[in-house]
């Protein structure tokens, strides 16, 4: 890296010591924008790198709630409002015991660039809590969400910051959060949260959007390199919202999904995963993926025993990591390459560790980076915001068509920038370069703020 990049990164690493996920995300971007920085010497004078890596605001707060046994529990809540240069802060809420400031900052930093790639007027933010919704009753989750929103409401608004869902925050949680916001504000401000239920201001196709968008990006990436989805085998880590709807859409293009997983292990069905069974287990029963064997006893289940998910040992044409950050280790990447994987599409946020990313690129695997490939969810959230402002709703087909165009344009931007800066086929670099240029232009235009 050039002198300014090195200097800025050293300062950021010193200032954010002990935040490995955040620093990983920053390094990943900085290591790919050197040629852009070289062409713009004014970036150093304006401290652009330092400013883009420093959140505009971090809010941390206590979240006390009462469980069904009457015991008071205290969790910690976060909202990192990272960058508002192109629009109000926008990004999901994650409820998971692993949540800490480093993870929320990494997610918020990634969100800046992801949102810029959509071409829509939304800035970057992220939030959440170390609360674990697994095993909790509906009443416990409602009480937690009400307590969480009792503080968060002060910091959000349709023109300020618009949260959505993420891991552990689905339609149920968004409903409880919105109900408490409405109660406190004494106003129906539909655009303050996205991912809402269809009955109270949500958008059709929002549930499907991230998984569908991932498929649209993968379709365009393969097409640009002389391939298509028809006849390909696919393994998908995770079995939540992104994984389920990626499986649904990619199957419609003639691919066959043969494996899915959760944090405990993975199922393999050589005949193709029965997605209705997975939906019943995960969306209705909120059970474990192992229960798939109760419906399809001929399928195989492998327990997870290490940091390497067994799903990445399965031979496949296309791998879609759709679970969580750093789930694809270097060991897993080597197994995928050894088994002849053609393409990897990141459905989760930063699911490949840096070593795995580098290994895929070195071995000419087509890699669809998260900040581009999983932007479909936030793009459709912005469409939901637009509908709320208009008090008008698009049909499912209209939203899906808009999403398809957005994802196609995101791929084109990634490809064009990768070609322009001399790294053809490196869509990781292409995504970072395209997004960084847009953010930099806005920050320069708006002055030192």
Protein backbone atom coordinates (compact mmCIF):
# COMPACT_ATOMS: atom_id res chain seq x y z
CA UNK A 1 0.00 0.00 0.00
CA UNK A 2 1.11 3.59 -0.55
CA UNK A 3 2.44 5.75 2.26
CA UNK A 4 -0.83 7.50 3.07
CA UNK A 5 -2.80 4.26 3.17
CA UNK A 6 -0.23 2.67 5.48
CA UNK A 7 -0.18 5.70 7.76
CA UNK A 8 -3.98 5.90 7.96
CA UNK A 9 -4.32 2.18 8.61
CA UNK A 10 -1.71 2.26 11.39
CA UNK A 11 -3.61 5.08 13.11
CA UNK A 12 -6.93 3.30 12.75
CA UNK A 13 -5.48 0.03 14.10
CA UNK A 14 -4.00 1.85 17.09
CA UNK A 15 -7.24 3.70 17.82
CA UNK A 16 -9.41 0.58 17.48
CA UNK A 17 -7.20 -2.06 19.07
CA UNK A 18 -9.23 -5.02 20.31
CA UNK A 19 -11.82 -4.75 17.52
CA UNK A 20 -10.69 -7.50 15.10
CA UNK A 21 -13.84 -7.74 12.97
CA UNK A 22 -13.92 -3.99 12.40
CA UNK A 23 -10.23 -3.83 11.53
CA UNK A 24 -10.63 -6.78 9.15
CA UNK A 25 -13.38 -4.91 7.29
CA UNK A 26 -11.30 -1.72 7.09
CA UNK A 27 -8.20 -3.55 5.81
CA UNK A 28 -10.25 -5.37 3.19
CA UNK A 29 -11.46 -2.06 1.74
CA UNK A 30 -8.20 -0.14 2.09
CA UNK A 31 -6.14 -2.89 0.42
CA UNK A 32 -8.26 -2.67 -2.73
CA UNK A 33 -8.54 1.11 -3.25
CA UNK A 34 -4.84 1.99 -3.52
CA UNK A 35 -5.03 2.96 -7.21
CA UNK A 36 -7.98 5.25 -6.49
CA UNK A 37 -6.09 6.86 -3.60
CA UNK A 38 -3.01 7.27 -5.84
CA UNK A 39 -5.12 9.19 -8.37
CA UNK A 40 -6.51 11.51 -5.68
CA UNK A 41 -3.70 13.07 -3.61
CA UNK A 42 -6.23 15.44 -2.01
CA UNK A 43 -7.57 12.47 0.00
CA UNK A 44 -4.59 12.75 2.37
CA UNK A 45 -4.97 16.49 2.96
CA UNK A 46 -8.67 15.95 3.70
CA UNK A 47 -7.96 12.90 5.94
CA UNK A 48 -10.57 11.07 3.90
CA UNK A 49 -9.53 7.56 4.92
CA UNK A 50 -9.46 8.45 8.60
CA UNK A 51 -12.86 10.12 8.38
CA UNK A 52 -14.56 7.30 6.47
CA UNK A 53 -13.36 4.79 9.10
CA UNK A 54 -14.58 6.86 12.06
CA UNK A 55 -18.31 6.60 12.89
CA UNK A 56 -20.21 9.85 13.03
CA UNK A 57 -21.86 8.60 16.22
CA UNK A 58 -21.91 5.53 18.49
CA UNK A 59 -24.76 5.03 20.94
CA UNK A 60 -24.45 2.34 23.64
CA UNK A 61 -27.19 1.75 26.16
CA UNK A 62 -28.55 -0.55 28.87
CA UNK A 63 -31.52 -2.78 28.02
CA UNK A 64 -33.22 -4.15 31.18
CA UNK A 65 -36.16 -6.55 30.79
CA UNK A 66 -38.06 -9.15 32.82
CA UNK A 67 -38.15 -12.83 31.82
CA UNK A 68 -41.12 -15.17 32.32
CA UNK A 69 -39.80 -16.21 35.75
CA UNK A 70 -39.82 -12.59 36.94
CA UNK A 71 -36.02 -12.29 36.86
CA UNK A 72 -34.58 -8.98 35.68
CA UNK A 73 -32.05 -9.43 32.86
CA UNK A 74 -29.71 -6.71 31.60
CA UNK A 75 -28.41 -6.65 28.03
CA UNK A 76 -26.42 -4.04 26.12
CA UNK A 77 -27.75 -2.20 23.08
CA UNK A 78 -25.83 -0.49 20.28
CA UNK A 79 -26.43 1.82 17.35
CA UNK A 80 -23.45 2.88 15.24
CA UNK A 81 -24.41 5.70 12.88
CA UNK A 82 -21.43 5.47 10.59
CA UNK A 83 -21.88 7.72 7.57
CA UNK A 84 -24.76 9.88 6.33
CA UNK A 85 -23.09 11.42 3.28
CA UNK A 86 -25.60 10.08 0.74
CA UNK A 87 -28.72 9.75 2.87
CA UNK A 88 -30.18 8.96 6.30
CA UNK A 89 -28.40 6.21 8.22
CA UNK A 90 -29.68 2.79 7.15
CA UNK A 91 -28.77 -0.66 8.42
CA UNK A 92 -30.09 -3.61 10.35
CA UNK A 93 -30.35 -4.61 13.99
CA UNK A 94 -28.72 -7.86 15.10
CA UNK A 95 -29.79 -9.73 18.27
CA UNK A 96 -27.18 -12.38 19.02
CA UNK A 97 -24.97 -13.20 22.04
CA UNK A 98 -21.82 -12.54 19.96
CA UNK A 99 -22.74 -8.89 19.41
CA UNK A 100 -20.17 -6.38 20.62
CA UNK A 101 -18.91 -2.99 19.46
CA UNK A 102 -16.38 -4.47 17.03
CA UNK A 103 -19.01 -6.54 15.22
CA UNK A 104 -21.50 -3.68 15.04
CA UNK A 105 -18.79 -1.33 13.74
CA UNK A 106 -17.68 -3.81 11.09
CA UNK A 107 -21.27 -4.26 9.97
CA UNK A 108 -21.85 -0.50 9.92
CA UNK A 109 -18.65 0.13 7.95
CA UNK A 110 -19.63 -2.50 5.36
CA UNK A 111 -23.10 -0.97 5.18
CA UNK A 112 -21.73 2.40 4.01
CA UNK A 113 -20.33 0.84 0.85
CA UNK A 114 -23.15 -1.65 0.32
CA UNK A 115 -25.72 1.13 0.46
CA UNK A 116 -23.68 3.32 -1.89
CA UNK A 117 -23.62 0.49 -4.44
CA UNK A 118 -27.42 0.34 -4.58
CA UNK A 119 -27.53 3.80 -6.15
CA UNK A 120 -30.20 4.78 -3.63
CA UNK A 121 -29.99 7.70 -1.14
CA UNK A 122 -29.14 5.83 2.05
CA UNK A 123 -26.19 6.14 4.44
CA UNK A 124 -24.58 3.42 6.54
CA UNK A 125 -25.40 2.27 10.08
CA UNK A 126 -25.87 -0.88 12.16
CA UNK A 127 -27.12 -1.76 15.60
CA UNK A 128 -28.25 -4.54 17.88
CA UNK A 129 -27.77 -6.24 21.21
CA UNK A 130 -26.10 -9.24 22.85
CA UNK A 131 -29.63 -10.53 23.58
CA UNK A 132 -30.22 -14.10 22.38
CA UNK A 133 -33.78 -14.66 21.07
CA UNK A 134 -33.28 -18.45 20.85
CA UNK A 135 -35.36 -20.29 23.42
CA UNK A 136 -37.22 -17.15 24.49
CA UNK A 137 -41.00 -16.94 24.57
CA UNK A 138 -42.88 -14.43 22.44
CA UNK A 139 -43.66 -12.43 25.59
CA UNK A 140 -39.99 -12.31 26.60
CA UNK A 141 -38.99 -11.13 23.13
CA UNK A 142 -41.74 -8.51 23.21
CA UNK A 143 -40.59 -7.18 26.57
CA UNK A 144 -36.98 -7.05 25.41
CA UNK A 145 -37.90 -5.26 22.16
CA UNK A 146 -40.00 -2.73 24.04
CA UNK A 147 -37.15 -1.96 26.42
CA UNK A 148 -34.66 -1.74 23.53
CA UNK A 149 -36.86 0.70 21.59
CA UNK A 150 -37.50 2.83 24.67
CA UNK A 151 -33.92 4.06 24.28
CA UNK A 152 -33.38 3.61 20.54
CA UNK A 153 -36.36 5.79 19.55
CA UNK A 154 -34.40 8.91 20.57
CA UNK A 155 -31.82 8.28 17.86
CA UNK A 156 -33.88 7.20 14.81
CA UNK A 157 -36.43 8.61 12.38
CA UNK A 158 -37.46 8.38 8.74
CA UNK A 159 -35.07 11.22 7.80
CA UNK A 160 -32.45 10.43 10.44
CA UNK A 161 -31.80 6.68 10.81
CA UNK A 162 -33.91 3.77 9.56
CA UNK A 163 -33.12 0.37 11.15
CA UNK A 164 -34.19 -3.00 9.76
CA UNK A 165 -33.69 -6.66 10.65
CA UNK A 166 -30.57 -8.81 10.68
CA UNK A 167 -29.62 -12.03 12.48
CA UNK A 168 -32.13 -12.63 15.29
CA UNK A 169 -34.41 -9.82 14.15
CA UNK A 170 -37.21 -10.92 11.84
CA UNK A 171 -40.79 -9.90 11.26
CA UNK A 172 -41.84 -10.68 14.85
CA UNK A 173 -39.14 -8.49 16.38
CA UNK A 174 -39.69 -5.64 13.90
CA UNK A 175 -43.38 -5.70 14.80
CA UNK A 176 -42.71 -5.37 18.52
CA UNK A 177 -40.12 -2.64 17.93
CA UNK A 178 -42.44 -0.67 15.66
CA UNK A 179 -45.36 -0.99 18.05
CA UNK A 180 -43.29 0.47 20.90
CA UNK A 181 -41.94 3.28 18.70
CA UNK A 182 -45.47 4.23 17.65
CA UNK A 183 -46.65 4.12 21.26
CA UNK A 184 -43.85 6.41 22.49
CA UNK A 185 -44.02 8.89 19.58
CA UNK A 186 -47.84 8.95 19.40
CA UNK A 187 -47.52 9.06 15.62
CA UNK A 188 -47.60 6.56 12.77
CA UNK A 189 -44.20 7.10 11.16
CA UNK A 190 -44.15 4.11 8.82
CA UNK A 191 -40.74 4.89 7.31
CA UNK A 192 -38.81 4.62 10.59
CA UNK A 193 -38.28 0.84 10.32
CA UNK A 194 -38.16 -1.49 7.34
CA UNK A 195 -38.89 -5.18 7.13
CA UNK A 196 -42.35 -4.45 8.53
CA UNK A 197 -45.28 -6.82 8.10
CA UNK A 198 -47.34 -6.42 4.93
CA UNK A 199 -50.41 -5.55 7.03
CA UNK A 200 -48.82 -2.41 8.49
CA UNK A 201 -46.62 -0.82 5.86
CA UNK A 202 -44.12 -3.45 4.77
CA UNK A 203 -43.10 -4.11 1.20
CA UNK A 204 -43.91 -7.18 -0.82
CA UNK A 205 -40.71 -9.11 -1.73
CA UNK A 206 -38.77 -7.65 1.23
CA UNK A 207 -38.57 -11.04 2.94
CA UNK A 208 -37.18 -12.62 -0.21
CA UNK A 209 -34.99 -9.71 -1.26
CA UNK A 210 -31.52 -10.58 0.06
CA UNK A 211 -31.63 -14.16 -1.19
CA UNK A 212 -33.18 -13.17 -4.51
CA UNK A 213 -30.65 -10.36 -4.94
CA UNK A 214 -27.76 -12.73 -4.27
CA UNK A 215 -29.08 -14.99 -7.04
CA UNK A 216 -29.46 -12.09 -9.49
CA UNK A 217 -25.85 -11.00 -8.84
CA UNK A 218 -24.59 -14.58 -9.22
CA UNK A 219 -26.53 -14.92 -12.49
CA UNK A 220 -24.90 -11.78 -13.91
CA UNK A 221 -21.42 -12.75 -12.70
CA UNK A 222 -21.63 -16.19 -14.28
CA UNK A 223 -23.10 -14.80 -17.50
CA UNK A 224 -20.23 -12.31 -17.82
CA UNK A 225 -17.80 -15.23 -17.59
CA UNK A 226 -19.51 -17.60 -20.02
CA UNK A 227 -21.52 -19.70 -17.55
CA UNK A 228 -25.10 -19.94 -16.30
CA UNK A 229 -26.97 -21.36 -13.31
CA UNK A 230 -28.78 -24.17 -15.09
CA UNK A 231 -27.67 -27.63 -13.99
CA UNK A 232 -25.29 -26.38 -11.30
CA UNK A 233 -25.20 -27.93 -7.82
CA UNK A 234 -25.34 -25.47 -4.92
CA UNK A 235 -24.51 -25.64 -1.22
CA UNK A 236 -25.89 -22.91 1.04
CA UNK A 237 -24.76 -22.37 4.61
CA UNK A 238 -27.43 -21.21 6.99
CA UNK A 239 -31.15 -21.90 6.88
CA UNK A 240 -32.54 -18.50 7.78
CA UNK A 241 -34.12 -15.84 5.65
CA UNK A 242 -31.22 -15.24 3.23
CA UNK A 243 -30.42 -18.92 2.74
CA UNK A 244 -34.03 -20.01 2.22
CA UNK A 245 -34.83 -17.43 -0.43
CA UNK A 246 -31.50 -17.77 -2.19
CA UNK A 247 -32.34 -21.48 -2.46
CA UNK A 248 -35.82 -20.69 -3.75
CA UNK A 249 -34.68 -18.30 -6.46
CA UNK A 250 -31.56 -20.15 -7.61
CA UNK A 251 -33.66 -23.31 -8.02
CA UNK A 252 -35.96 -21.39 -10.36
CA UNK A 253 -32.97 -20.95 -12.71
CA UNK A 254 -32.43 -24.71 -12.93
CA UNK A 255 -29.77 -25.13 -10.26
CA UNK A 256 -30.06 -27.85 -7.59
CA UNK A 257 -29.48 -27.03 -3.91
CA UNK A 258 -28.07 -30.15 -2.24
CA UNK A 259 -27.03 -28.90 1.22
CA UNK A 260 -28.03 -26.37 3.89
CA UNK A 261 -26.94 -25.91 7.49
CA UNK A 262 -27.34 -24.23 10.84
CA UNK A 263 -24.87 -23.64 13.66
CA UNK A 264 -25.11 -27.30 14.78
CA UNK A 265 -24.43 -29.06 11.48
CA UNK A 266 -25.52 -29.56 7.89
CA UNK A 267 -27.91 -31.70 5.86
CA UNK A 268 -27.09 -33.17 2.45
CA UNK A 269 -29.81 -34.41 0.12
CA UNK A 270 -28.49 -35.68 -3.21
CA UNK A 271 -31.99 -35.41 -4.69
CA UNK A 272 -32.17 -31.71 -3.90
CA UNK A 273 -33.21 -30.00 -0.69
CA UNK A 274 -36.95 -29.99 0.05
CA UNK A 275 -37.28 -26.27 0.72
CA UNK A 276 -40.83 -26.54 2.04
CA UNK A 277 -39.53 -28.88 4.74
CA UNK A 278 -36.78 -26.41 5.66
CA UNK A 279 -39.29 -23.55 5.80
CA UNK A 280 -41.53 -25.58 8.12
CA UNK A 281 -38.63 -26.42 10.43
CA UNK A 282 -37.10 -22.95 10.52
CA UNK A 283 -39.88 -20.45 9.89
CA UNK A 284 -42.76 -22.22 11.67
CA UNK A 285 -41.27 -24.56 14.29
CA UNK A 286 -38.04 -22.54 14.80
CA UNK A 287 -36.29 -25.89 15.09
CA UNK A 288 -32.88 -27.31 14.14
CA UNK A 289 -31.87 -28.37 10.65
CA UNK A 290 -31.30 -31.94 11.89
CA UNK A 291 -35.10 -32.33 12.03
CA UNK A 292 -34.99 -32.53 8.20
CA UNK A 293 -34.18 -36.23 8.69
CA UNK A 294 -37.60 -36.77 10.29
CA UNK A 295 -39.16 -35.85 6.92
CA UNK A 296 -36.43 -37.19 4.62
CA UNK A 297 -34.67 -40.07 6.42
CA UNK A 298 -32.55 -40.82 3.31
CA UNK A 299 -30.77 -37.46 3.64
CA UNK A 300 -27.45 -37.21 5.50
CA UNK A 301 -26.71 -35.06 8.55
CA UNK A 302 -23.19 -34.13 9.70
CA UNK A 303 -22.63 -32.57 13.11
CA UNK A 304 -20.35 -29.56 13.28
CA UNK A 305 -17.33 -30.26 15.49
CA UNK A 306 -14.92 -27.40 14.68
CA UNK A 307 -14.77 -23.90 13.25
CA UNK A 308 -14.91 -25.45 9.77
CA UNK A 309 -18.49 -26.17 8.82
CA UNK A 310 -18.87 -29.65 7.26
CA UNK A 311 -20.95 -28.13 4.46
CA UNK A 312 -17.80 -26.81 2.75
CA UNK A 313 -16.43 -30.35 2.36
CA UNK A 314 -19.30 -31.24 0.02
CA UNK A 315 -18.47 -31.17 -3.69
CA UNK A 316 -20.40 -28.37 -5.36
CA UNK A 317 -20.35 -26.00 -8.32
CA UNK A 318 -21.56 -22.97 -6.37
CA UNK A 319 -21.14 -22.19 -2.66
CA UNK A 320 -23.32 -19.56 -1.00
CA UNK A 321 -22.21 -18.73 2.57
CA UNK A 322 -25.35 -17.16 4.05
CA UNK A 323 -24.86 -17.62 7.81
CA UNK A 324 -22.44 -15.25 9.55
CA UNK A 325 -19.08 -13.49 9.42
CA UNK A 326 -15.82 -15.44 8.91
CA UNK A 327 -17.63 -18.77 8.50
CA UNK A 328 -15.46 -19.75 5.51
CA UNK A 329 -11.94 -20.34 6.83
CA UNK A 330 -8.82 -20.88 4.74
CA UNK A 331 -9.19 -24.64 5.35
CA UNK A 332 -12.76 -24.53 4.07
CA UNK A 333 -11.70 -22.48 1.03
CA UNK A 334 -9.02 -25.06 0.20
CA UNK A 335 -11.60 -27.88 0.40
CA UNK A 336 -13.97 -26.01 -1.91
CA UNK A 337 -11.23 -25.33 -4.45
CA UNK A 338 -9.98 -28.91 -4.24
CA UNK A 339 -13.52 -30.09 -5.02
CA UNK A 340 -13.73 -27.84 -8.08
CA UNK A 341 -16.01 -25.02 -6.92
CA UNK A 342 -16.75 -22.60 -9.77
CA UNK A 343 -18.19 -19.63 -7.87
CA UNK A 344 -18.77 -18.36 -4.33
CA UNK A 345 -21.49 -15.84 -3.50
CA UNK A 346 -21.39 -14.10 -0.13
CA UNK A 347 -24.94 -13.93 1.18
CA UNK A 348 -23.90 -13.12 4.74
CA UNK A 349 -21.83 -10.10 5.80
CA UNK A 350 -18.08 -10.82 5.39
CA UNK A 351 -18.56 -14.62 5.55
CA UNK A 352 -15.10 -15.36 4.10
CA UNK A 353 -12.06 -14.63 6.22
CA UNK A 354 -9.42 -12.57 4.40
CA UNK A 355 -7.21 -15.61 3.78
CA UNK A 356 -10.14 -17.47 2.22
CA UNK A 357 -10.97 -14.49 -0.01
CA UNK A 358 -7.37 -14.27 -1.19
CA UNK A 359 -7.26 -18.03 -1.84
CA UNK A 360 -10.41 -17.96 -3.96
CA UNK A 361 -9.08 -15.07 -6.04
CA UNK A 362 -5.66 -16.71 -6.47
CA UNK A 363 -7.37 -19.86 -7.73
CA UNK A 364 -9.61 -18.02 -10.20
CA UNK A 365 -12.85 -18.79 -8.37
CA UNK A 366 -15.54 -16.26 -9.26
CA UNK A 367 -16.24 -14.45 -5.98
CA UNK A 368 -19.33 -12.29 -5.44
CA UNK A 369 -18.46 -10.00 -2.48
CA UNK A 370 -20.98 -9.46 0.30
CA UNK A 371 -21.24 -5.70 0.06
CA UNK A 372 -22.41 -6.12 -3.54
CA UNK A 373 -24.03 -9.55 -3.65
CA UNK A 374 -26.19 -9.25 -0.53
CA UNK A 375 -27.25 -5.64 -1.13
CA UNK A 376 -30.69 -6.77 -2.27
CA UNK A 377 -32.12 -6.60 1.23
CA UNK A 378 -31.19 -3.01 1.91
CA UNK A 379 -32.11 -2.01 -1.65
CA UNK A 380 -35.62 -3.33 -1.11
CA UNK A 381 -35.71 -1.65 2.30
CA UNK A 382 -35.07 1.64 0.50
CA UNK A 383 -37.93 0.76 -1.86
CA UNK A 384 -40.07 0.14 1.25
CA UNK A 385 -39.09 3.57 2.59
CA UNK A 386 -40.11 5.12 -0.73
CA UNK A 387 -43.49 3.39 -0.65
CA UNK A 388 -44.06 4.56 2.94
CA UNK A 389 -43.33 8.15 1.90
CA UNK A 390 -45.73 7.92 -1.05
CA UNK A 391 -48.37 6.00 0.92
CA UNK A 392 -48.51 3.71 -2.07
CA UNK A 393 -47.51 0.08 -2.61
CA UNK A 394 -45.94 -1.77 -5.51
CA UNK A 395 -46.90 -5.31 -6.47
CA UNK A 396 -44.52 -8.20 -5.73
CA UNK A 397 -43.60 -8.35 -9.42
CA UNK A 398 -42.84 -4.62 -9.54
CA UNK A 399 -40.56 -4.80 -6.51
CA UNK A 400 -38.78 -7.89 -7.83
CA UNK A 401 -38.22 -6.21 -11.20
CA UNK A 402 -36.75 -3.13 -9.50
CA UNK A 403 -34.51 -5.38 -7.38
CA UNK A 404 -33.33 -7.27 -10.46
CA UNK A 405 -32.35 -3.99 -12.17
CA UNK A 406 -30.52 -2.75 -9.06
CA UNK A 407 -28.52 -5.98 -8.66
CA UNK A 408 -27.69 -6.05 -12.38
CA UNK A 409 -26.42 -2.46 -12.14
CA UNK A 410 -24.37 -3.30 -9.04
CA UNK A 411 -22.65 -6.10 -10.91
CA UNK A 412 -21.96 -3.80 -13.86
CA UNK A 413 -20.39 -1.24 -11.51
CA UNK A 414 -18.20 -3.93 -9.92
CA UNK A 415 -17.07 -5.23 -13.31
CA UNK A 416 -16.45 -1.80 -14.82
CA UNK A 417 -14.33 -0.66 -11.88
CA UNK A 418 -12.38 -3.90 -11.71
CA UNK A 419 -11.57 -3.51 -15.42
CA UNK A 420 -10.85 0.22 -15.12
CA UNK A 421 -8.32 -0.22 -12.31
CA UNK A 422 -6.52 -3.19 -13.84
CA UNK A 423 -7.92 -6.10 -11.82
CA UNK A 424 -10.42 -7.77 -14.19
CA UNK A 425 -12.47 -10.50 -12.56
CA UNK A 426 -11.75 -9.21 -9.05
CA UNK A 427 -15.26 -8.12 -8.07
CA UNK A 428 -14.18 -7.62 -4.44
CA UNK A 429 -11.91 -4.78 -5.56
CA UNK A 430 -14.47 -3.59 -8.11
CA UNK A 431 -17.18 -3.24 -5.46
CA UNK A 432 -14.90 -1.35 -3.08
CA UNK A 433 -13.63 1.00 -5.78
CA UNK A 434 -17.12 1.81 -7.10
CA UNK A 435 -18.55 2.48 -3.64
CA UNK A 436 -15.52 4.34 -2.28
CA UNK A 437 -15.51 6.76 -5.21
CA UNK A 438 -19.16 7.66 -4.57
CA UNK A 439 -18.63 8.12 -0.83
CA UNK A 440 -15.46 10.17 -1.39
CA UNK A 441 -17.18 12.48 -3.88
CA UNK A 442 -19.97 13.17 -1.39
CA UNK A 443 -17.63 13.75 1.56
CA UNK A 444 -15.49 16.19 -0.43
CA UNK A 445 -18.55 18.08 -1.66
CA UNK A 446 -19.99 18.45 1.87
CA UNK A 447 -16.83 19.81 3.50
CA UNK A 448 -15.06 18.88 6.71
CA UNK A 449 -17.97 17.53 8.75
